[in-house]
């Protein structure tokens, strides 16, 4: 019996390198929005993708609210990362643009939209 692919989100999938983050936001990289999210991305030499999730303190004063939004984004990415082309890696930054929270279904739909657009553009 075939096991379905495991949908995990490992530490190796988190973008932590200061050099790469600076290069990602230095300009010249592709970006677009699907409100309430903005995505900035660039290709990666390795075949696996890494993501960064950013929710500003300006939008949510309480850490519990910021953490909830980040959790929603990470979960939506975890469940839908197979949309990205296999064998091709990206550095991806998800940036929250809104002052209000949304349901997990809305966040998931926006993540699917953004990942599909990344796939189509590359």
C-alpha atoms as a PDB file:
ATOM      1  CA  UNK A   1       0.000   0.000   0.000  1.00  0.00           C
ATOM      2  CA  UNK A   2       1.336   3.420  -0.990  1.00  0.00           C
ATOM      3  CA  UNK A   3       1.731   6.002   1.733  1.00  0.00           C
ATOM      4  CA  UNK A   4       0.665   9.537   0.825  1.00  0.00           C
ATOM      5  CA  UNK A   5       3.465  12.122   0.863  1.00  0.00           C
ATOM      6  CA  UNK A   6       4.069  13.559   4.312  1.00  0.00           C
ATOM      7  CA  UNK A   7       3.163  17.194   4.576  1.00  0.00           C
ATOM      8  CA  UNK A   8       5.677  18.456   7.091  1.00  0.00           C
ATOM      9  CA  UNK A   9       7.294  21.791   7.790  1.00  0.00           C
ATOM     10  CA  UNK A  10      10.845  21.171   8.921  1.00  0.00           C
ATOM     11  CA  UNK A  11      13.412  23.559  10.327  1.00  0.00           C
ATOM     12  CA  UNK A  12      15.347  23.239   7.058  1.00  0.00           C
ATOM     13  CA  UNK A  13      12.372  24.862   5.283  1.00  0.00           C
ATOM     14  CA  UNK A  14      12.658  28.050   7.360  1.00  0.00           C
ATOM     15  CA  UNK A  15      14.617  30.940   5.926  1.00  0.00           C
ATOM     16  CA  UNK A  16      17.071  32.085   8.631  1.00  0.00           C
ATOM     17  CA  UNK A  17      20.140  33.337   6.761  1.00  0.00           C
ATOM     18  CA  UNK A  18      20.611  37.096   7.164  1.00  0.00           C
ATOM     19  CA  UNK A  19      22.569  37.251   3.876  1.00  0.00           C
ATOM     20  CA  UNK A  20      19.775  35.583   1.928  1.00  0.00           C
ATOM     21  CA  UNK A  21      17.070  37.708   3.596  1.00  0.00           C
ATOM     22  CA  UNK A  22      19.004  40.889   2.719  1.00  0.00           C
ATOM     23  CA  UNK A  23      19.415  39.674  -0.879  1.00  0.00           C
ATOM     24  CA  UNK A  24      15.711  38.817  -1.070  1.00  0.00           C
ATOM     25  CA  UNK A  25      14.664  42.348  -0.064  1.00  0.00           C
ATOM     26  CA  UNK A  26      17.507  44.194  -1.840  1.00  0.00           C
ATOM     27  CA  UNK A  27      15.370  44.663  -4.945  1.00  0.00           C
ATOM     28  CA  UNK A  28      15.204  43.120  -8.359  1.00  0.00           C
ATOM     29  CA  UNK A  29      13.277  40.106  -7.063  1.00  0.00           C
ATOM     30  CA  UNK A  30       9.751  39.216  -8.047  1.00  0.00           C
ATOM     31  CA  UNK A  31       6.840  40.116  -5.793  1.00  0.00           C
ATOM     32  CA  UNK A  32       3.079  40.436  -5.894  1.00  0.00           C
ATOM     33  CA  UNK A  33       0.106  40.613  -3.552  1.00  0.00           C
ATOM     34  CA  UNK A  34      -3.077  38.741  -2.813  1.00  0.00           C
ATOM     35  CA  UNK A  35      -4.566  40.801  -0.008  1.00  0.00           C
ATOM     36  CA  UNK A  36      -3.892  40.416   2.935  1.00  0.00           C
ATOM     37  CA  UNK A  37      -0.581  38.843   1.884  1.00  0.00           C
ATOM     38  CA  UNK A  38       2.392  39.997  -0.163  1.00  0.00           C
ATOM     39  CA  UNK A  39       5.004  37.559  -1.413  1.00  0.00           C
ATOM     40  CA  UNK A  40       8.610  38.307  -2.381  1.00  0.00           C
ATOM     41  CA  UNK A  41      10.611  35.459  -3.886  1.00  0.00           C
ATOM     42  CA  UNK A  42      13.721  34.483  -5.790  1.00  0.00           C
ATOM     43  CA  UNK A  43      15.074  31.230  -7.147  1.00  0.00           C
ATOM     44  CA  UNK A  44      17.311  29.078  -5.009  1.00  0.00           C
ATOM     45  CA  UNK A  45      20.161  26.893  -6.334  1.00  0.00           C
ATOM     46  CA  UNK A  46      18.983  23.886  -4.289  1.00  0.00           C
ATOM     47  CA  UNK A  47      15.741  22.068  -5.192  1.00  0.00           C
ATOM     48  CA  UNK A  48      14.003  22.678  -1.816  1.00  0.00           C
ATOM     49  CA  UNK A  49      12.219  25.929  -0.931  1.00  0.00           C
ATOM     50  CA  UNK A  50      12.655  27.999   2.223  1.00  0.00           C
ATOM     51  CA  UNK A  51      10.126  30.491   3.579  1.00  0.00           C
ATOM     52  CA  UNK A  52      10.038  33.499   5.872  1.00  0.00           C
ATOM     53  CA  UNK A  53       6.820  34.721   7.527  1.00  0.00           C
ATOM     54  CA  UNK A  54       6.585  38.353   8.613  1.00  0.00           C
ATOM     55  CA  UNK A  55       3.743  39.939  10.571  1.00  0.00           C
ATOM     56  CA  UNK A  56       4.437  43.499  11.689  1.00  0.00           C
ATOM     57  CA  UNK A  57       3.949  44.767  15.208  1.00  0.00           C
ATOM     58  CA  UNK A  58       2.429  47.846  13.579  1.00  0.00           C
ATOM     59  CA  UNK A  59      -0.538  45.724  12.439  1.00  0.00           C
ATOM     60  CA  UNK A  60      -0.992  43.652  15.611  1.00  0.00           C
ATOM     61  CA  UNK A  61       0.135  45.061  18.959  1.00  0.00           C
ATOM     62  CA  UNK A  62      -0.379  41.783  20.839  1.00  0.00           C
ATOM     63  CA  UNK A  63       2.032  38.908  20.222  1.00  0.00           C
ATOM     64  CA  UNK A  64      -0.785  36.379  20.484  1.00  0.00           C
ATOM     65  CA  UNK A  65      -2.453  37.923  17.417  1.00  0.00           C
ATOM     66  CA  UNK A  66       0.797  38.024  15.422  1.00  0.00           C
ATOM     67  CA  UNK A  67       1.553  34.413  16.331  1.00  0.00           C
ATOM     68  CA  UNK A  68      -1.932  33.273  15.269  1.00  0.00           C
ATOM     69  CA  UNK A  69      -1.532  34.858  11.834  1.00  0.00           C
ATOM     70  CA  UNK A  70       1.965  33.363  11.408  1.00  0.00           C
ATOM     71  CA  UNK A  71       0.602  29.950  12.386  1.00  0.00           C
ATOM     72  CA  UNK A  72      -2.184  30.255   9.797  1.00  0.00           C
ATOM     73  CA  UNK A  73       0.326  31.176   7.069  1.00  0.00           C
ATOM     74  CA  UNK A  74       2.729  28.350   7.933  1.00  0.00           C
ATOM     75  CA  UNK A  75      -0.092  25.793   8.054  1.00  0.00           C
ATOM     76  CA  UNK A  76      -1.517  26.941   4.706  1.00  0.00           C
ATOM     77  CA  UNK A  77       1.965  26.718   3.161  1.00  0.00           C
ATOM     78  CA  UNK A  78       2.595  23.270   4.693  1.00  0.00           C
ATOM     79  CA  UNK A  79      -0.596  21.865   3.202  1.00  0.00           C
ATOM     80  CA  UNK A  80      -0.100  23.422  -0.241  1.00  0.00           C
ATOM     81  CA  UNK A  81       3.666  23.555  -0.849  1.00  0.00           C
ATOM     82  CA  UNK A  82       3.355  20.763  -3.410  1.00  0.00           C
ATOM     83  CA  UNK A  83       1.914  23.390  -5.808  1.00  0.00           C
ATOM     84  CA  UNK A  84       5.462  24.688  -6.343  1.00  0.00           C
ATOM     85  CA  UNK A  85       7.323  22.997  -9.206  1.00  0.00           C
ATOM     86  CA  UNK A  86       9.238  19.867  -8.180  1.00  0.00           C
ATOM     87  CA  UNK A  87      13.001  20.038  -8.547  1.00  0.00           C
ATOM     88  CA  UNK A  88      13.042  23.831  -8.345  1.00  0.00           C
ATOM     89  CA  UNK A  89      13.704  25.737  -5.122  1.00  0.00           C
ATOM     90  CA  UNK A  90      12.731  29.241  -4.021  1.00  0.00           C
ATOM     91  CA  UNK A  91      13.385  31.635  -1.194  1.00  0.00           C
ATOM     92  CA  UNK A  92       9.922  32.962  -0.332  1.00  0.00           C
ATOM     93  CA  UNK A  93       8.875  35.726   2.095  1.00  0.00           C
ATOM     94  CA  UNK A  94       5.213  36.042   3.075  1.00  0.00           C
ATOM     95  CA  UNK A  95       4.396  39.508   4.454  1.00  0.00           C
ATOM     96  CA  UNK A  96       1.079  40.302   6.174  1.00  0.00           C
ATOM     97  CA  UNK A  97      -0.447  43.612   5.014  1.00  0.00           C
ATOM     98  CA  UNK A  98      -3.709  43.933   6.954  1.00  0.00           C
ATOM     99  CA  UNK A  99      -4.640  45.240  10.409  1.00  0.00           C
ATOM    100  CA  UNK A 100      -7.291  42.564  10.863  1.00  0.00           C
ATOM    101  CA  UNK A 101      -7.325  38.794  11.150  1.00  0.00           C
ATOM    102  CA  UNK A 102      -8.938  36.502   8.598  1.00  0.00           C
ATOM    103  CA  UNK A 103     -10.256  32.953   8.789  1.00  0.00           C
ATOM    104  CA  UNK A 104      -7.859  30.131   8.049  1.00  0.00           C
ATOM    105  CA  UNK A 105      -9.814  29.326   4.875  1.00  0.00           C
ATOM    106  CA  UNK A 106      -9.251  32.833   3.485  1.00  0.00           C
ATOM    107  CA  UNK A 107      -5.520  32.672   4.323  1.00  0.00           C
ATOM    108  CA  UNK A 108      -5.272  29.231   2.687  1.00  0.00           C
ATOM    109  CA  UNK A 109      -6.982  30.480  -0.479  1.00  0.00           C
ATOM    110  CA  UNK A 110      -4.566  33.434  -0.719  1.00  0.00           C
ATOM    111  CA  UNK A 111      -1.526  31.161  -0.172  1.00  0.00           C
ATOM    112  CA  UNK A 112      -2.777  28.817  -2.928  1.00  0.00           C
ATOM    113  CA  UNK A 113      -3.221  31.837  -5.215  1.00  0.00           C
ATOM    114  CA  UNK A 114       0.311  33.109  -4.497  1.00  0.00           C
ATOM    115  CA  UNK A 115       1.982  29.700  -4.866  1.00  0.00           C
ATOM    116  CA  UNK A 116       0.161  29.123  -8.166  1.00  0.00           C
ATOM    117  CA  UNK A 117       1.354  32.507  -9.455  1.00  0.00           C
ATOM    118  CA  UNK A 118       4.944  31.686  -8.433  1.00  0.00           C
ATOM    119  CA  UNK A 119       4.670  28.412 -10.359  1.00  0.00           C
ATOM    120  CA  UNK A 120       3.255  30.129 -13.448  1.00  0.00           C
ATOM    121  CA  UNK A 121       5.891  32.894 -13.470  1.00  0.00           C
ATOM    122  CA  UNK A 122       8.839  30.481 -13.363  1.00  0.00           C
END
